[in-house]
Amino acid sequence: MNKKLKKCENCGREFDIKEKNRIVLEGWRDEKHLSRLYFCSRSCFVTFLKTKRFV
């Protein structure tokens, strides 16, 4: 099977999107465009939220 590698938005590490601990954050930029942010772990996701002052 082919591995689909994505880059973590926080740390920049490449990881397979089929990994167990990965997180995908989806949001609509406008009515037609969906954007996705990929994170390799829960800690990277929380760090990203803290740096962007969401939490």
PDB file of N, CA and C in Angstrom:
ATOM      1  N   MET A   1       0.828  -1.188   0.000  1.00  0.00           N
ATOM      2  CA  MET A   1       0.000   0.000   0.000  1.00  0.00           C
ATOM      3  C   MET A   1       0.875   1.255   0.000  1.00  0.00           C
ATOM      4  N   ASN A   2       0.409   2.270  -0.671  1.00  0.00           N
ATOM      5  CA  ASN A   2       1.132   3.536  -0.684  1.00  0.00           C
ATOM      6  C   ASN A   2       0.889   4.289   0.609  1.00  0.00           C
ATOM      7  N   LYS A   3       1.953   4.895   1.112  1.00  0.00           N
ATOM      8  CA  LYS A   3       1.812   5.739   2.292  1.00  0.00           C
ATOM      9  C   LYS A   3       1.568   7.162   1.831  1.00  0.00           C
ATOM     10  N   LYS A   4       0.595   7.812   2.444  1.00  0.00           N
ATOM     11  CA  LYS A   4       0.343   9.215   2.154  1.00  0.00           C
ATOM     12  C   LYS A   4       1.003  10.026   3.254  1.00  0.00           C
ATOM     13  N   LEU A   5       2.100  10.684   2.911  1.00  0.00           N
ATOM     14  CA  LEU A   5       2.828  11.465   3.894  1.00  0.00           C
ATOM     15  C   LEU A   5       2.337  12.897   3.901  1.00  0.00           C
ATOM     16  N   LYS A   6       2.095  13.403   5.088  1.00  0.00           N
ATOM     17  CA  LYS A   6       1.702  14.793   5.285  1.00  0.00           C
ATOM     18  C   LYS A   6       2.691  15.424   6.240  1.00  0.00           C
ATOM     19  N   LYS A   7       2.753  16.738   6.212  1.00  0.00           N
ATOM     20  CA  LYS A   7       3.676  17.459   7.079  1.00  0.00           C
ATOM     21  C   LYS A   7       2.892  18.083   8.228  1.00  0.00           C
ATOM     22  N   CYS A   8       3.399  17.908   9.442  1.00  0.00           N
ATOM     23  CA  CYS A   8       2.768  18.471  10.629  1.00  0.00           C
ATOM     24  C   CYS A   8       2.853  19.995  10.568  1.00  0.00           C
ATOM     25  N   GLU A   9       1.729  20.668  10.829  1.00  0.00           N
ATOM     26  CA  GLU A   9       1.680  22.134  10.780  1.00  0.00           C
ATOM     27  C   GLU A   9       2.497  22.775  11.892  1.00  0.00           C
ATOM     28  N   ASN A  10       2.693  22.053  12.986  1.00  0.00           N
ATOM     29  CA  ASN A  10       3.400  22.626  14.124  1.00  0.00           C
ATOM     30  C   ASN A  10       4.902  22.361  14.067  1.00  0.00           C
ATOM     31  N   CYS A  11       5.299  21.089  13.988  1.00  0.00           N
ATOM     32  CA  CYS A  11       6.727  20.756  14.080  1.00  0.00           C
ATOM     33  C   CYS A  11       7.377  20.501  12.721  1.00  0.00           C
ATOM     34  N   GLY A  12       6.586  20.281  11.674  1.00  0.00           N
ATOM     35  CA  GLY A  12       7.147  20.072  10.346  1.00  0.00           C
ATOM     36  C   GLY A  12       7.543  18.639  10.045  1.00  0.00           C
ATOM     37  N   ARG A  13       7.319  17.716  10.977  1.00  0.00           N
ATOM     38  CA  ARG A  13       7.676  16.318  10.771  1.00  0.00           C
ATOM     39  C   ARG A  13       6.716  15.685   9.771  1.00  0.00           C
ATOM     40  N   GLU A  14       7.251  14.867   8.871  1.00  0.00           N
ATOM     41  CA  GLU A  14       6.401  14.141   7.928  1.00  0.00           C
ATOM     42  C   GLU A  14       5.928  12.849   8.576  1.00  0.00           C
ATOM     43  N   PHE A  15       4.645  12.521   8.369  1.00  0.00           N
ATOM     44  CA  PHE A  15       4.071  11.321   8.959  1.00  0.00           C
ATOM     45  C   PHE A  15       3.011  10.764   8.029  1.00  0.00           C
ATOM     46  N   ASP A  16       2.709   9.480   8.214  1.00  0.00           N
ATOM     47  CA  ASP A  16       1.674   8.810   7.428  1.00  0.00           C
ATOM     48  C   ASP A  16       0.311   9.187   8.001  1.00  0.00           C
ATOM     49  N   ILE A  17      -0.637   9.566   7.149  1.00  0.00           N
ATOM     50  CA  ILE A  17      -1.943  10.003   7.646  1.00  0.00           C
ATOM     51  C   ILE A  17      -2.754   8.848   8.224  1.00  0.00           C
ATOM     52  N   LYS A  18      -2.315   7.617   8.032  1.00  0.00           N
ATOM     53  CA  LYS A  18      -3.002   6.456   8.600  1.00  0.00           C
ATOM     54  C   LYS A  18      -2.539   6.163  10.029  1.00  0.00           C
ATOM     55  N   GLU A  19      -1.555   6.916  10.542  1.00  0.00           N
ATOM     56  CA  GLU A  19      -1.071   6.699  11.907  1.00  0.00           C
ATOM     57  C   GLU A  19      -2.189   6.919  12.909  1.00  0.00           C
ATOM     58  N   LYS A  20      -2.050   6.280  14.049  1.00  0.00           N
ATOM     59  CA  LYS A  20      -3.126   6.289  15.033  1.00  0.00           C
ATOM     60  C   LYS A  20      -3.308   7.640  15.724  1.00  0.00           C
ATOM     61  N   ASN A  21      -2.245   8.347  16.037  1.00  0.00           N
ATOM     62  CA  ASN A  21      -2.342   9.560  16.854  1.00  0.00           C
ATOM     63  C   ASN A  21      -2.490  10.846  16.059  1.00  0.00           C
ATOM     64  N   ARG A  22      -2.659  10.768  14.771  1.00  0.00           N
ATOM     65  CA  ARG A  22      -2.713  11.985  13.973  1.00  0.00           C
ATOM     66  C   ARG A  22      -4.032  12.719  14.174  1.00  0.00           C
ATOM     67  N   ILE A  23      -4.004  14.043  13.975  1.00  0.00           N
ATOM     68  CA  ILE A  23      -5.191  14.887  14.113  1.00  0.00           C
ATOM     69  C   ILE A  23      -5.317  15.727  12.851  1.00  0.00           C
ATOM     70  N   VAL A  24      -6.540  15.823  12.333  1.00  0.00           N
ATOM     71  CA  VAL A  24      -6.810  16.649  11.158  1.00  0.00           C
ATOM     72  C   VAL A  24      -7.831  17.706  11.555  1.00  0.00           C
ATOM     73  N   LEU A  25      -7.469  18.968  11.361  1.00  0.00           N
ATOM     74  CA  LEU A  25      -8.367  20.079  11.654  1.00  0.00           C
ATOM     75  C   LEU A  25      -8.861  20.628  10.323  1.00  0.00           C
ATOM     76  N   GLU A  26     -10.177  20.591  10.119  1.00  0.00           N
ATOM     77  CA  GLU A  26     -10.758  21.060   8.863  1.00  0.00           C
ATOM     78  C   GLU A  26     -11.531  22.343   9.106  1.00  0.00           C
ATOM     79  N   GLY A  27     -11.420  23.264   8.180  1.00  0.00           N
ATOM     80  CA  GLY A  27     -12.162  24.513   8.292  1.00  0.00           C
ATOM     81  C   GLY A  27     -12.448  25.088   6.918  1.00  0.00           C
ATOM     82  N   TRP A  28     -13.569  25.765   6.809  1.00  0.00           N
ATOM     83  CA  TRP A  28     -13.951  26.375   5.534  1.00  0.00           C
ATOM     84  C   TRP A  28     -13.339  27.764   5.435  1.00  0.00           C
ATOM     85  N   ARG A  29     -12.524  27.996   4.394  1.00  0.00           N
ATOM     86  CA  ARG A  29     -11.979  29.334   4.141  1.00  0.00           C
ATOM     87  C   ARG A  29     -13.057  30.245   3.588  1.00  0.00           C
ATOM     88  N   ASP A  30     -13.862  29.714   2.704  1.00  0.00           N
ATOM     89  CA  ASP A  30     -15.032  30.414   2.175  1.00  0.00           C
ATOM     90  C   ASP A  30     -16.045  29.345   1.768  1.00  0.00           C
ATOM     91  N   GLU A  31     -17.064  29.712   1.031  1.00  0.00           N
ATOM     92  CA  GLU A  31     -18.137  28.768   0.707  1.00  0.00           C
ATOM     93  C   GLU A  31     -17.681  27.573  -0.119  1.00  0.00           C
ATOM     94  N   LYS A  32     -16.618  27.725  -0.894  1.00  0.00           N
ATOM     95  CA  LYS A  32     -16.206  26.664  -1.810  1.00  0.00           C
ATOM     96  C   LYS A  32     -14.907  25.964  -1.425  1.00  0.00           C
ATOM     97  N   HIS A  33     -14.109  26.526  -0.529  1.00  0.00           N
ATOM     98  CA  HIS A  33     -12.779  25.991  -0.261  1.00  0.00           C
ATOM     99  C   HIS A  33     -12.645  25.489   1.177  1.00  0.00           C
ATOM    100  N   LEU A  34     -12.326  24.206   1.285  1.00  0.00           N
ATOM    101  CA  LEU A  34     -12.088  23.568   2.568  1.00  0.00           C
ATOM    102  C   LEU A  34     -10.581  23.462   2.766  1.00  0.00           C
ATOM    103  N   SER A  35     -10.087  23.855   3.915  1.00  0.00           N
ATOM    104  CA  SER A  35      -8.660  23.705   4.185  1.00  0.00           C
ATOM    105  C   SER A  35      -8.469  22.728   5.336  1.00  0.00           C
ATOM    106  N   ARG A  36      -7.376  21.981   5.280  1.00  0.00           N
ATOM    107  CA  ARG A  36      -7.069  20.988   6.302  1.00  0.00           C
ATOM    108  C   ARG A  36      -5.687  21.252   6.866  1.00  0.00           C
ATOM    109  N   LEU A  37      -5.583  21.169   8.184  1.00  0.00           N
ATOM    110  CA  LEU A  37      -4.303  21.255   8.874  1.00  0.00           C
ATOM    111  C   LEU A  37      -4.047  19.899   9.513  1.00  0.00           C
ATOM    112  N   TYR A  38      -2.848  19.356   9.301  1.00  0.00           N
ATOM    113  CA  TYR A  38      -2.507  18.031   9.799  1.00  0.00           C
ATOM    114  C   TYR A  38      -1.524  18.159  10.956  1.00  0.00           C
ATOM    115  N   PHE A  39      -1.733  17.343  11.995  1.00  0.00           N
ATOM    116  CA  PHE A  39      -0.858  17.332  13.164  1.00  0.00           C
ATOM    117  C   PHE A  39      -0.465  15.898  13.465  1.00  0.00           C
ATOM    118  N   CYS A  40       0.815  15.696  13.827  1.00  0.00           N
ATOM    119  CA  CYS A  40       1.331  14.344  14.037  1.00  0.00           C
ATOM    120  C   CYS A  40       0.959  13.780  15.400  1.00  0.00           C
ATOM    121  N   SER A  41       0.627  14.629  16.369  1.00  0.00           N
ATOM    122  CA  SER A  41       0.275  14.135  17.699  1.00  0.00           C
ATOM    123  C   SER A  41      -0.606  15.144  18.414  1.00  0.00           C
ATOM    124  N   ARG A  42      -1.150  14.706  19.524  1.00  0.00           N
ATOM    125  CA  ARG A  42      -2.016  15.571  20.319  1.00  0.00           C
ATOM    126  C   ARG A  42      -1.224  16.744  20.908  1.00  0.00           C
ATOM    127  N   SER A  43       0.017  16.487  21.314  1.00  0.00           N
ATOM    128  CA  SER A  43       0.826  17.560  21.906  1.00  0.00           C
ATOM    129  C   SER A  43       1.153  18.645  20.881  1.00  0.00           C
ATOM    130  N   CYS A  44       1.400  18.273  19.637  1.00  0.00           N
ATOM    131  CA  CYS A  44       1.635  19.270  18.584  1.00  0.00           C
ATOM    132  C   CYS A  44       0.381  20.093  18.329  1.00  0.00           C
ATOM    133  N   PHE A  45      -0.774  19.457  18.366  1.00  0.00           N
ATOM    134  CA  PHE A  45      -2.042  20.152  18.166  1.00  0.00           C
ATOM    135  C   PHE A  45      -2.281  21.173  19.280  1.00  0.00           C
ATOM    136  N   VAL A  46      -2.060  20.773  20.527  1.00  0.00           N
ATOM    137  CA  VAL A  46      -2.259  21.672  21.666  1.00  0.00           C
ATOM    138  C   VAL A  46      -1.264  22.827  21.611  1.00  0.00           C
ATOM    139  N   THR A  47      -0.017  22.554  21.258  1.00  0.00           N
ATOM    140  CA  THR A  47       0.989  23.607  21.138  1.00  0.00           C
ATOM    141  C   THR A  47       0.597  24.599  20.058  1.00  0.00           C
ATOM    142  N   PHE A  48       0.095  24.111  18.935  1.00  0.00           N
ATOM    143  CA  PHE A  48      -0.365  24.977  17.850  1.00  0.00           C
ATOM    144  C   PHE A  48      -1.493  25.887  18.323  1.00  0.00           C
ATOM    145  N   LEU A  49      -2.465  25.325  19.032  1.00  0.00           N
ATOM    146  CA  LEU A  49      -3.583  26.125  19.542  1.00  0.00           C
ATOM    147  C   LEU A  49      -3.113  27.191  20.525  1.00  0.00           C
ATOM    148  N   LYS A  50      -2.142  26.846  21.362  1.00  0.00           N
ATOM    149  CA  LYS A  50      -1.630  27.818  22.339  1.00  0.00           C
ATOM    150  C   LYS A  50      -0.854  28.939  21.660  1.00  0.00           C
ATOM    151  N   THR A  51      -0.070  28.616  20.639  1.00  0.00           N
ATOM    152  CA  THR A  51       0.702  29.657  19.957  1.00  0.00           C
ATOM    153  C   THR A  51      -0.191  30.580  19.146  1.00  0.00           C
ATOM    154  N   LYS A  52      -1.305  30.056  18.644  1.00  0.00           N
ATOM    155  CA  LYS A  52      -2.255  30.886  17.893  1.00  0.00           C
ATOM    156  C   LYS A  52      -3.277  31.553  18.809  1.00  0.00           C
ATOM    157  N   ARG A  53      -3.143  31.329  20.115  1.00  0.00           N
ATOM    158  CA  ARG A  53      -3.995  31.916  21.160  1.00  0.00           C
ATOM    159  C   ARG A  53      -5.466  31.523  21.032  1.00  0.00           C
ATOM    160  N   PHE A  54      -5.719  30.270  20.619  1.00  0.00           N
ATOM    161  CA  PHE A  54      -7.079  29.741  20.631  1.00  0.00           C
ATOM    162  C   PHE A  54      -7.446  29.254  22.029  1.00  0.00           C
ATOM    163  N   VAL A  55      -6.419  28.809  22.787  1.00  0.00           N
ATOM    164  CA  VAL A  55      -6.645  28.278  24.143  1.00  0.00           C
ATOM    165  C   VAL A  55      -5.930  29.162  25.131  1.00  0.00           C
TER     166      VAL A  55
END
